[in-house]
Amino acid sequence: MYKRPQYRAVVARLREPRRFIQVLTGPRQTGKTTLAQQAINAPGIIAHYATADEPALKDLAWVEQQWETARALLPRANGRKSLLLVLDEVQKITGWSETVKRLWDEDSAKSLDLRVMILGSSALLLQQGLAESLAGRFEVVPVTHWSFAEMRAAFGWNVEQYVFYGGYPGAAALISDGERWQQYIGSSLIETTISRDILLMRRVDKPALLRRLFELGCTYSGQVLSYQKMLGQLQDAGNTTTLAHYLSLLDSAGLVTGLSKYSGQTVRQRASSPKLLVMNTGLMTASHGLSFNEARGDPSHWGRLVESAVGATIANGLLGSRGRLFYWAAGDKDVDFVLAQGKNLVAVEVKSGSAKKTTAGLSLFAKRYRPAKSVLVGGDGIPVSDFLLTPPLKWIE
């Protein structure tokens, strides 16, 4: 079975002398549970796995019961062996973090070498108590959407398949039946994420508006859209503050993000109109309903897919790092993506062949901000496949 790059880091951390709670966060169907199971099966590891994602209602007593079960296994762990407790979807239990903190501190005081791994859907888990209750006790391992390199290694995909179907490994076996694949993405991923990971975890006064905003993000992925224009498209009596909040929820769930405009000034960046971007192009494809041949035969639509695939690859690749992703625009000139890490900048322009795009934006941006690199993807620049196979951090090293 294919092992993601995070596997070695996770297992290595389990064997380090110092204990930290390992927190695996990421969108649904990105392999968090599989990664945990692979760690459980690693040589020399004894483990107990439990999930709060079952139909029966779980409470804080359940957390304590699982912890005691793991403690009972401790006498079997000696020498080079590690004892691991894995709690999956624990964020669904109200007050979980305080209980975990108490039990973790009890083990620390007694020098019990119990290792703990917590799995949860995206950054919503972090916002539910890690920062407040478990400060100094945890390390985050981002489990992102799968990259082109991973989908190619695991399923033999080519770049066009990846651009169209995105990085959902669980759906890879269904691509020969486009309608079945689309239904799976819609019901098992999109609807489940919105209804169970957002609406049940956060107060959302206008769930219909949040759903429509997601659809808008898929329709306009790769395009800059002001919040006022979004309100016009959504035909809702909401306000820009509500939209910005809902967009942040969609971002936390790994669905759609809104990139800020690069200006060199944080205040101006926050006030800019967002550039909508899906975090996985499979979301665009499932929402639009076009077949592979229909999408490939529409240069404009395919161009948006390619640009979104490039943007999603960068955005996912920067998670957990100091790197940040922006866009840039000045008048009629723009740059599709700007990678920033400290003072290092990399400008990225995507030329998919769908339109007569020039590099005037790259030239003007280079003149104003002097980036370390200006990268043209597609056309007579770097092939799309080569760019997608390169870890984004490589560009800003």
Protein backbone atom coordinates (compact mmCIF):
# COMPACT_ATOMS: atom_id res chain seq x y z
CA MET A 1 0.00 0.00 0.00
CA TYR A 2 1.24 3.49 -0.90
CA LYS A 3 2.69 5.41 2.03
CA ARG A 4 2.48 9.20 1.99
CA PRO A 5 5.58 11.31 2.76
CA GLN A 6 4.21 12.05 6.25
CA TYR A 7 4.46 8.38 7.23
CA ARG A 8 8.18 8.37 7.99
CA ALA A 9 7.96 11.60 9.98
CA VAL A 10 5.04 10.30 12.05
CA VAL A 11 6.74 7.00 12.91
CA ALA A 12 10.04 8.73 13.66
CA ARG A 13 8.32 11.10 16.09
CA LEU A 14 6.68 8.19 17.88
CA ARG A 15 10.16 6.84 18.65
CA GLU A 16 11.71 10.08 19.84
CA PRO A 17 12.55 10.33 23.58
CA ARG A 18 10.36 13.41 24.09
CA ARG A 19 6.61 12.97 23.98
CA PHE A 20 4.29 15.20 21.96
CA ILE A 21 0.66 14.69 20.99
CA GLN A 22 0.71 14.25 17.23
CA VAL A 23 -2.25 15.95 15.60
CA LEU A 24 -3.08 14.82 12.06
CA THR A 25 -5.45 17.33 10.49
CA GLY A 26 -6.78 17.57 6.97
CA PRO A 27 -9.84 17.38 4.73
CA ARG A 28 -11.95 14.26 4.45
CA GLN A 29 -10.69 11.41 2.28
CA THR A 30 -7.06 12.52 2.31
CA GLY A 31 -5.79 9.46 4.18
CA LYS A 32 -5.54 10.48 7.85
CA THR A 33 -6.96 7.19 9.14
CA THR A 34 -4.92 5.15 6.65
CA LEU A 35 -1.76 6.97 7.73
CA ALA A 36 -2.56 6.24 11.38
CA GLN A 37 -3.20 2.57 10.61
CA GLN A 38 0.12 2.35 8.76
CA ALA A 39 1.85 3.85 11.81
CA ILE A 40 0.09 1.32 14.04
CA ASN A 41 1.41 -1.50 11.87
CA ALA A 42 4.98 -0.17 11.88
CA PRO A 43 7.54 -2.52 13.48
CA GLY A 44 7.85 -2.20 17.24
CA ILE A 45 4.63 -0.25 17.85
CA ILE A 46 1.79 -1.44 20.08
CA ALA A 47 -1.38 0.58 19.65
CA HIS A 48 -5.02 1.11 20.51
CA TYR A 49 -7.28 2.80 17.95
CA ALA A 50 -10.71 4.31 18.64
CA THR A 51 -12.97 6.64 16.66
CA ALA A 52 -15.66 9.06 17.74
CA ASP A 53 -17.10 9.06 14.22
CA GLU A 54 -19.43 6.14 14.93
CA PRO A 55 -23.24 6.45 15.13
CA ALA A 56 -23.39 5.91 18.90
CA LEU A 57 -23.12 9.16 20.86
CA LYS A 58 -19.73 9.63 22.52
CA ASP A 59 -18.93 11.74 25.58
CA LEU A 60 -15.94 12.62 27.76
CA ALA A 61 -16.23 9.31 29.59
CA TRP A 62 -15.49 7.59 26.28
CA VAL A 63 -12.19 9.50 25.99
CA GLU A 64 -11.19 8.36 29.49
CA GLN A 65 -12.19 4.76 28.72
CA GLN A 66 -10.00 4.67 25.60
CA TRP A 67 -7.12 6.25 27.51
CA GLU A 68 -7.38 3.63 30.28
CA THR A 69 -7.46 0.86 27.67
CA ALA A 70 -4.20 2.19 26.25
CA ARG A 71 -2.66 2.51 29.71
CA ALA A 72 -3.45 -1.15 30.31
CA LEU A 73 -1.25 -2.03 27.34
CA LEU A 74 1.75 -0.14 28.75
CA PRO A 75 3.31 -3.15 30.54
CA ARG A 76 3.71 -4.78 27.10
CA ALA A 77 5.68 -1.79 25.82
CA ASN A 78 9.34 -1.96 26.76
CA GLY A 79 12.75 -1.19 25.36
CA ARG A 80 12.36 -0.02 21.75
CA LYS A 81 8.61 -0.55 21.60
CA SER A 82 6.16 2.39 21.56
CA LEU A 83 2.65 2.39 22.98
CA LEU A 84 0.33 4.49 20.84
CA LEU A 85 -3.23 5.68 21.46
CA VAL A 86 -5.05 6.93 18.34
CA LEU A 87 -8.23 8.99 18.83
CA ASP A 88 -10.01 9.62 15.52
CA GLU A 89 -12.52 12.49 15.06
CA VAL A 90 -12.24 13.33 18.77
CA GLN A 91 -13.13 16.98 18.09
CA LYS A 92 -16.78 15.89 17.87
CA ILE A 93 -16.84 15.42 21.65
CA THR A 94 -17.55 18.67 23.47
CA GLY A 95 -14.78 19.57 25.91
CA TRP A 96 -12.40 16.88 24.60
CA SER A 97 -9.27 19.03 24.84
CA GLU A 98 -9.50 19.66 28.59
CA THR A 99 -9.90 15.94 29.25
CA VAL A 100 -6.97 15.07 26.99
CA LYS A 101 -4.85 17.73 28.74
CA ARG A 102 -5.65 16.30 32.18
CA LEU A 103 -4.93 12.71 31.17
CA TRP A 104 -1.74 13.69 29.32
CA ASP A 105 -0.45 15.63 32.31
CA GLU A 106 -1.25 12.71 34.63
CA ASP A 107 0.88 10.42 32.45
CA SER A 108 3.68 12.98 32.33
CA ALA A 109 3.71 13.31 36.12
CA LYS A 110 3.94 9.52 36.48
CA SER A 111 6.53 9.20 33.65
CA LEU A 112 4.17 6.95 31.68
CA ASP A 113 5.42 6.75 28.11
CA LEU A 114 2.06 6.73 26.36
CA ARG A 115 2.18 8.28 22.89
CA VAL A 116 -1.00 9.90 21.58
CA MET A 117 -2.18 10.66 18.07
CA ILE A 118 -5.31 12.74 17.41
CA LEU A 119 -7.01 12.79 14.02
CA GLY A 120 -9.47 15.44 12.92
CA SER A 121 -11.01 17.09 9.90
CA SER A 122 -8.95 20.09 8.89
CA ALA A 123 -8.12 23.19 10.94
CA LEU A 124 -11.57 23.05 12.57
CA LEU A 125 -9.93 20.69 15.07
CA LEU A 126 -7.31 23.27 15.97
CA GLN A 127 -9.98 25.90 16.56
CA GLN A 128 -11.81 23.56 18.94
CA GLY A 129 -9.29 23.66 21.75
CA LEU A 130 -5.74 22.72 20.84
CA ALA A 131 -4.29 26.21 21.06
CA GLU A 132 -6.05 27.01 24.34
CA SER A 133 -5.88 23.75 26.30
CA LEU A 134 -2.92 21.84 24.86
CA ALA A 135 -0.38 24.58 24.22
CA GLY A 136 3.16 23.21 24.28
CA ARG A 137 1.97 19.60 24.21
CA PHE A 138 1.25 18.96 20.53
CA GLU A 139 2.72 19.00 17.05
CA VAL A 140 0.58 19.35 13.92
CA VAL A 141 1.07 17.07 10.92
CA PRO A 142 -0.92 18.55 7.99
CA VAL A 143 -2.50 15.84 5.83
CA THR A 144 -3.31 17.68 2.61
CA HIS A 145 -5.06 16.83 -0.62
CA TRP A 146 -2.95 14.42 -2.66
CA SER A 147 -0.42 15.88 -5.07
CA PHE A 148 0.07 14.88 -8.70
CA ALA A 149 3.25 13.02 -7.72
CA GLU A 150 1.28 10.93 -5.20
CA MET A 151 -1.64 10.18 -7.53
CA ARG A 152 0.81 9.20 -10.26
CA ALA A 153 2.78 6.94 -7.92
CA ALA A 154 -0.30 5.29 -6.41
CA PHE A 155 -2.59 5.05 -9.45
CA GLY A 156 -0.46 5.73 -12.53
CA TRP A 157 -2.34 8.92 -13.44
CA ASN A 158 -1.15 11.35 -16.11
CA VAL A 159 -1.28 15.12 -15.66
CA GLU A 160 -4.57 15.56 -17.54
CA GLN A 161 -6.29 13.04 -15.28
CA TYR A 162 -4.97 14.86 -12.23
CA VAL A 163 -6.06 18.28 -13.50
CA PHE A 164 -9.58 16.98 -14.15
CA TYR A 165 -10.19 14.57 -11.24
CA GLY A 166 -8.00 16.19 -8.60
CA GLY A 167 -6.33 14.47 -5.66
CA TYR A 168 -8.96 12.26 -4.03
CA PRO A 169 -7.45 8.76 -3.67
CA GLY A 170 -10.68 7.17 -2.47
CA ALA A 171 -12.42 8.12 -5.71
CA ALA A 172 -9.62 7.06 -8.05
CA ALA A 173 -11.16 3.66 -8.78
CA LEU A 174 -14.39 5.31 -9.98
CA ILE A 175 -13.08 7.52 -12.79
CA SER A 176 -14.07 5.02 -15.47
CA ASP A 177 -17.68 5.79 -14.57
CA GLY A 178 -17.93 9.59 -14.64
CA GLU A 179 -21.45 9.77 -13.23
CA ARG A 180 -20.63 7.47 -10.31
CA TRP A 181 -17.43 9.40 -9.59
CA GLN A 182 -19.35 12.68 -9.59
CA GLN A 183 -22.02 11.33 -7.23
CA TYR A 184 -19.35 10.04 -4.85
CA ILE A 185 -17.57 13.39 -4.70
CA GLY A 186 -20.85 15.24 -4.25
CA SER A 187 -22.41 13.07 -1.55
CA SER A 188 -19.51 11.45 0.27
CA LEU A 189 -17.12 14.40 0.23
CA ILE A 190 -18.74 17.76 -0.44
CA GLU A 191 -22.06 17.25 1.35
CA THR A 192 -20.52 15.30 4.24
CA THR A 193 -17.85 17.96 4.77
CA ILE A 194 -20.34 20.82 4.75
CA SER A 195 -23.01 19.14 6.87
CA ARG A 196 -20.80 17.29 9.38
CA ASP A 197 -17.51 19.19 9.51
CA ILE A 198 -18.82 22.74 9.24
CA LEU A 199 -22.51 23.04 10.11
CA LEU A 200 -22.27 20.72 13.14
CA MET A 201 -19.03 22.27 14.39
CA ARG A 202 -19.72 25.97 13.92
CA ARG A 203 -22.65 28.32 14.25
CA VAL A 204 -23.84 29.11 10.73
CA ASP A 205 -26.97 31.26 10.64
CA LYS A 206 -27.38 30.95 6.88
CA PRO A 207 -26.42 27.42 5.81
CA ALA A 208 -27.96 27.93 2.36
CA LEU A 209 -25.70 30.94 1.84
CA LEU A 210 -22.63 28.93 2.83
CA ARG A 211 -23.55 26.20 0.33
CA ARG A 212 -24.07 28.74 -2.42
CA LEU A 213 -20.75 30.37 -1.58
CA PHE A 214 -19.06 27.01 -2.03
CA GLU A 215 -20.72 26.62 -5.44
CA LEU A 216 -19.58 30.13 -6.33
CA GLY A 217 -16.02 29.22 -5.34
CA CYS A 218 -16.09 26.25 -7.71
CA THR A 219 -17.57 28.32 -10.55
CA TYR A 220 -15.13 31.21 -10.20
CA SER A 221 -12.03 29.34 -9.02
CA GLY A 222 -8.95 31.21 -10.23
CA GLN A 223 -10.80 34.52 -10.47
CA VAL A 224 -10.80 37.64 -8.26
CA LEU A 225 -14.27 38.48 -7.00
CA SER A 226 -15.13 41.23 -4.54
CA TYR A 227 -17.46 40.43 -1.67
CA GLN A 228 -19.98 42.92 -3.06
CA LYS A 229 -20.01 41.07 -6.39
CA MET A 230 -20.39 37.80 -4.52
CA LEU A 231 -23.45 39.15 -2.74
CA GLY A 232 -24.88 40.14 -6.11
CA GLN A 233 -24.26 36.66 -7.48
CA LEU A 234 -25.68 34.99 -4.39
CA GLN A 235 -28.76 37.24 -4.26
CA ASP A 236 -28.78 37.14 -0.50
CA ALA A 237 -29.38 39.86 2.08
CA GLY A 238 -26.17 38.95 3.91
CA ASN A 239 -23.15 41.19 4.40
CA THR A 240 -19.49 41.10 3.48
CA THR A 241 -18.45 40.17 7.02
CA THR A 242 -20.67 37.08 6.92
CA LEU A 243 -19.27 36.07 3.53
CA ALA A 244 -15.68 36.49 4.70
CA HIS A 245 -16.45 34.33 7.74
CA TYR A 246 -18.11 31.62 5.67
CA LEU A 247 -15.20 31.63 3.22
CA SER A 248 -12.81 31.08 6.14
CA LEU A 249 -14.93 28.08 7.24
CA LEU A 250 -14.76 26.59 3.74
CA ASP A 251 -11.01 27.18 3.81
CA SER A 252 -10.67 25.45 7.20
CA ALA A 253 -12.51 22.43 5.81
CA GLY A 254 -10.14 22.21 2.82
CA LEU A 255 -12.77 23.09 0.20
CA VAL A 256 -12.33 26.65 -1.08
CA THR A 257 -9.97 29.42 -0.03
CA GLY A 258 -9.75 33.12 -0.81
CA LEU A 259 -6.26 34.40 -1.64
CA SER A 260 -5.35 37.95 -0.65
CA LYS A 261 -3.71 40.41 -3.01
CA TYR A 262 0.01 40.84 -2.41
CA SER A 263 0.93 44.41 -1.56
CA GLY A 264 3.86 44.16 0.83
CA GLN A 265 1.60 45.62 3.53
CA THR A 266 -0.44 43.27 5.73
CA VAL A 267 -3.32 45.71 6.29
CA ARG A 268 -3.85 46.28 2.58
CA GLN A 269 -3.64 42.53 1.91
CA ARG A 270 -6.45 41.83 4.37
CA ALA A 271 -8.66 44.48 2.81
CA SER A 272 -8.29 43.17 -0.75
CA SER A 273 -10.88 41.33 -2.81
CA PRO A 274 -10.19 37.57 -2.61
CA LYS A 275 -9.11 35.36 -5.47
CA LEU A 276 -11.26 32.26 -5.12
CA LEU A 277 -9.45 28.93 -5.35
CA VAL A 278 -10.61 25.35 -4.86
CA MET A 279 -8.19 23.25 -2.83
CA ASN A 280 -8.82 20.24 -5.07
CA THR A 281 -9.88 20.47 -8.73
CA GLY A 282 -12.11 17.42 -8.24
CA LEU A 283 -14.48 19.84 -6.50
CA MET A 284 -14.72 21.97 -9.68
CA THR A 285 -15.27 18.96 -11.91
CA ALA A 286 -17.97 17.44 -9.72
CA SER A 287 -19.77 20.80 -9.46
CA HIS A 288 -19.69 21.62 -13.18
CA GLY A 289 -20.79 18.19 -14.34
CA LEU A 290 -18.76 18.14 -17.58
CA SER A 291 -17.27 14.89 -18.82
CA PHE A 292 -13.50 14.60 -19.28
CA ASN A 293 -13.79 14.97 -23.07
CA GLU A 294 -16.17 17.94 -22.75
CA ALA A 295 -13.83 19.71 -20.35
CA ARG A 296 -10.76 18.94 -22.44
CA GLY A 297 -12.51 20.27 -25.54
CA ASP A 298 -13.39 23.60 -23.90
CA PRO A 299 -10.13 25.66 -23.86
CA SER A 300 -11.54 28.28 -21.48
CA HIS A 301 -12.80 25.77 -18.93
CA TRP A 302 -9.66 23.64 -19.20
CA GLY A 303 -7.54 26.73 -18.66
CA ARG A 304 -9.37 27.47 -15.41
CA LEU A 305 -8.85 23.86 -14.31
CA VAL A 306 -5.12 24.03 -15.04
CA GLU A 307 -4.72 27.34 -13.19
CA SER A 308 -6.71 25.98 -10.24
CA ALA A 309 -4.60 22.79 -10.19
CA VAL A 310 -1.42 24.89 -10.06
CA GLY A 311 -2.85 27.12 -7.32
CA ALA A 312 -4.16 24.20 -5.27
CA THR A 313 -0.80 22.42 -5.55
CA ILE A 314 0.97 25.49 -4.18
CA ALA A 315 -1.61 26.13 -1.45
CA ASN A 316 -1.54 22.53 -0.21
CA GLY A 317 2.23 22.36 -0.43
CA LEU A 318 2.66 25.43 1.76
CA LEU A 319 0.44 24.16 4.60
CA GLY A 320 2.45 23.71 7.77
CA SER A 321 5.26 25.94 6.51
CA ARG A 322 6.09 29.64 6.82
CA GLY A 323 5.21 30.14 3.17
CA ARG A 324 2.11 32.07 2.13
CA LEU A 325 0.24 32.32 -1.15
CA PHE A 326 -1.16 35.49 -2.76
CA TYR A 327 -2.15 36.89 -6.13
CA TRP A 328 -1.22 40.30 -7.50
CA ALA A 329 -2.92 42.82 -9.77
CA ALA A 330 -2.37 46.40 -10.89
CA GLY A 331 -4.78 47.84 -13.42
CA ASP A 332 -5.07 45.41 -16.33
CA LYS A 333 -1.88 43.55 -15.38
CA ASP A 334 -1.74 40.67 -12.92
CA VAL A 335 0.22 37.70 -11.65
CA ASP A 336 -1.70 34.50 -10.98
CA PHE A 337 0.18 33.49 -7.82
CA VAL A 338 2.81 34.97 -5.53
CA LEU A 339 4.65 32.70 -3.08
CA ALA A 340 6.11 34.54 -0.11
CA GLN A 341 8.35 33.30 2.68
CA GLY A 342 9.94 36.02 4.72
CA LYS A 343 11.45 38.42 2.18
CA ASN A 344 11.67 35.78 -0.54
CA LEU A 345 9.12 36.12 -3.33
CA VAL A 346 8.32 33.93 -6.32
CA ALA A 347 5.89 35.07 -9.00
CA VAL A 348 4.00 32.36 -10.91
CA GLU A 349 2.01 32.91 -14.11
CA VAL A 350 -0.01 30.05 -15.63
CA LYS A 351 -0.33 29.98 -19.41
CA SER A 352 -2.63 27.11 -20.30
CA GLY A 353 -3.21 28.05 -23.93
CA SER A 354 -6.85 28.95 -23.24
CA ALA A 355 -6.25 32.62 -23.97
CA LYS A 356 -3.57 34.96 -25.29
CA LYS A 357 -2.03 35.71 -21.91
CA THR A 358 1.03 37.92 -21.84
CA THR A 359 3.83 38.10 -19.31
CA ALA A 360 3.42 41.85 -18.81
CA GLY A 361 2.19 41.23 -15.27
CA LEU A 362 5.29 39.23 -14.41
CA SER A 363 7.50 42.00 -15.78
CA LEU A 364 5.76 44.76 -13.85
CA PHE A 365 5.72 42.73 -10.62
CA ALA A 366 9.43 41.98 -11.02
CA LYS A 367 10.15 45.68 -11.50
CA ARG A 368 8.22 46.68 -8.36
CA TYR A 369 9.07 43.86 -5.94
CA ARG A 370 12.19 42.13 -7.31
CA PRO A 371 11.16 38.50 -6.67
CA ALA A 372 13.82 35.81 -6.45
CA LYS A 373 12.14 33.99 -9.37
CA SER A 374 9.49 34.63 -12.00
CA VAL A 375 8.04 31.34 -13.22
CA LEU A 376 5.93 30.80 -16.32
CA VAL A 377 3.94 27.54 -16.25
CA GLY A 378 2.68 26.07 -19.52
CA GLY A 379 3.06 27.45 -23.03
CA ASP A 380 6.74 28.07 -23.71
CA GLY A 381 7.52 27.94 -19.99
CA ILE A 382 7.84 25.07 -17.54
CA PRO A 383 5.54 22.16 -18.52
CA VAL A 384 2.49 21.91 -16.27
CA SER A 385 3.39 18.34 -15.30
CA ASP A 386 6.91 19.38 -14.23
CA PHE A 387 5.60 22.23 -12.10
CA LEU A 388 3.00 20.02 -10.41
CA LEU A 389 5.67 17.42 -9.63
CA THR A 390 7.88 20.01 -7.88
CA PRO A 391 7.22 20.63 -4.16
CA PRO A 392 6.22 24.33 -3.88
CA LEU A 393 8.80 25.05 -1.19
CA LYS A 394 11.53 24.22 -3.72
CA TRP A 395 10.69 27.41 -5.60
CA ILE A 396 11.34 29.68 -2.62
CA GLU A 397 14.38 27.95 -1.12
